[in-house]
Amino acid sequence: MKILLILLLIVNIINPKIAWKIGEGWKYKNVEPSDAYLYYTRAISIIILLFMLVALCIGD
C-alpha cells in the first residue's frame, strides 16, 4: 500500500493536472487548474513523499 501511495505521489509531482482531472476536472467543461493549484499540489506531494520515504527508511 505504501509503494502504491509513493507511486501516486511521484505521478502527482510530475504531472499534477492528472490529479486535478480525476478530482475536479470531470465536474467542469473547458476549465484548467490554476498555476497556484498546480504549484500547491506539487509542493504538498513532495512534502508527503519525503515523509513517506523517511518512514520507510526508519521502518514504521
C-alpha atoms as a PDB file:
ATOM      1  CA  MET A   1       0.000   0.000   0.000  1.00  0.00           C
ATOM      2  CA  LYS A   2       2.839   2.369   0.814  1.00  0.00           C
ATOM      3  CA  ILE A   3       4.516   1.678  -2.513  1.00  0.00           C
ATOM      4  CA  LEU A   4       1.281   2.476  -4.355  1.00  0.00           C
ATOM      5  CA  LEU A   5       0.978   5.765  -2.476  1.00  0.00           C
ATOM      6  CA  ILE A   6       4.582   6.634  -3.302  1.00  0.00           C
ATOM      7  CA  LEU A   7       3.961   5.928  -6.990  1.00  0.00           C
ATOM      8  CA  LEU A   8       0.855   8.123  -6.961  1.00  0.00           C
ATOM      9  CA  LEU A   9       2.799  10.915  -5.284  1.00  0.00           C
ATOM     10  CA  ILE A  10       5.532  10.690  -7.916  1.00  0.00           C
ATOM     11  CA  VAL A  11       2.941  10.915 -10.690  1.00  0.00           C
ATOM     12  CA  ASN A  12       1.374  13.886  -8.899  1.00  0.00           C
ATOM     13  CA  ILE A  13       4.755  15.621  -8.697  1.00  0.00           C
ATOM     14  CA  ILE A  14       5.499  15.028 -12.370  1.00  0.00           C
ATOM     15  CA  ASN A  15       2.031  15.960 -13.661  1.00  0.00           C
ATOM     16  CA  PRO A  16      -0.407  17.416 -11.091  1.00  0.00           C
ATOM     17  CA  LYS A  17      -3.002  18.008 -13.823  1.00  0.00           C
ATOM     18  CA  ILE A  18      -3.797  14.283 -13.713  1.00  0.00           C
ATOM     19  CA  ALA A  19      -4.901  14.534 -10.074  1.00  0.00           C
ATOM     20  CA  TRP A  20      -6.904  17.646 -10.874  1.00  0.00           C
ATOM     21  CA  LYS A  21      -8.676  15.923 -13.759  1.00  0.00           C
ATOM     22  CA  ILE A  22      -9.541  12.936 -11.569  1.00  0.00           C
ATOM     23  CA  GLY A  23     -10.637  15.005  -8.572  1.00  0.00           C
ATOM     24  CA  GLU A  24     -12.165  18.132 -10.054  1.00  0.00           C
ATOM     25  CA  GLY A  25     -11.831  18.239 -13.829  1.00  0.00           C
ATOM     26  CA  TRP A  26     -14.700  15.890 -14.544  1.00  0.00           C
ATOM     27  CA  LYS A  27     -17.118  18.369 -12.939  1.00  0.00           C
ATOM     28  CA  TYR A  28     -16.442  21.183 -15.413  1.00  0.00           C
ATOM     29  CA  LYS A  29     -16.116  21.680 -19.155  1.00  0.00           C
ATOM     30  CA  ASN A  30     -13.228  23.596 -20.755  1.00  0.00           C
ATOM     31  CA  VAL A  31     -11.577  24.547 -17.457  1.00  0.00           C
ATOM     32  CA  GLU A  32      -7.925  24.193 -16.498  1.00  0.00           C
ATOM     33  CA  PRO A  33      -6.432  24.283 -12.996  1.00  0.00           C
ATOM     34  CA  SER A  34      -4.737  27.488 -11.894  1.00  0.00           C
ATOM     35  CA  ASP A  35      -0.979  27.747 -11.647  1.00  0.00           C
ATOM     36  CA  ALA A  36      -1.322  28.251  -7.888  1.00  0.00           C
ATOM     37  CA  TYR A  37      -3.241  24.963  -7.561  1.00  0.00           C
ATOM     38  CA  LEU A  38      -0.606  23.102  -9.579  1.00  0.00           C
ATOM     39  CA  TYR A  39       2.229  24.602  -7.516  1.00  0.00           C
ATOM     40  CA  TYR A  40       0.467  23.848  -4.218  1.00  0.00           C
ATOM     41  CA  THR A  41      -0.332  20.273  -5.250  1.00  0.00           C
ATOM     42  CA  ARG A  42       3.231  19.637  -6.358  1.00  0.00           C
ATOM     43  CA  ALA A  43       4.687  21.124  -3.142  1.00  0.00           C
ATOM     44  CA  ILE A  44       2.386  19.124  -0.864  1.00  0.00           C
ATOM     45  CA  SER A  45       3.133  15.946  -2.817  1.00  0.00           C
ATOM     46  CA  ILE A  46       6.871  16.476  -2.384  1.00  0.00           C
ATOM     47  CA  ILE A  47       6.476  17.003   1.369  1.00  0.00           C
ATOM     48  CA  ILE A  48       4.314  13.896   1.788  1.00  0.00           C
ATOM     49  CA  LEU A  49       6.695  11.852  -0.365  1.00  0.00           C
ATOM     50  CA  LEU A  50       9.644  12.890   1.809  1.00  0.00           C
ATOM     51  CA  PHE A  51       7.771  11.843   4.959  1.00  0.00           C
ATOM     52  CA  MET A  52       6.843   8.520   3.352  1.00  0.00           C
ATOM     53  CA  LEU A  53      10.443   7.812   2.333  1.00  0.00           C
ATOM     54  CA  VAL A  54      11.706   8.647   5.822  1.00  0.00           C
ATOM     55  CA  ALA A  55       9.056   6.370   7.334  1.00  0.00           C
ATOM     56  CA  LEU A  56      10.106   3.535   5.018  1.00  0.00           C
ATOM     57  CA  CYS A  57      13.776   4.020   5.884  1.00  0.00           C
ATOM     58  CA  ILE A  58      13.109   4.094   9.614  1.00  0.00           C
ATOM     59  CA  GLY A  59      10.836   1.066   9.379  1.00  0.00           C
ATOM     60  CA  ASP A  60       7.443   2.166  10.696  1.00  0.00           C
END
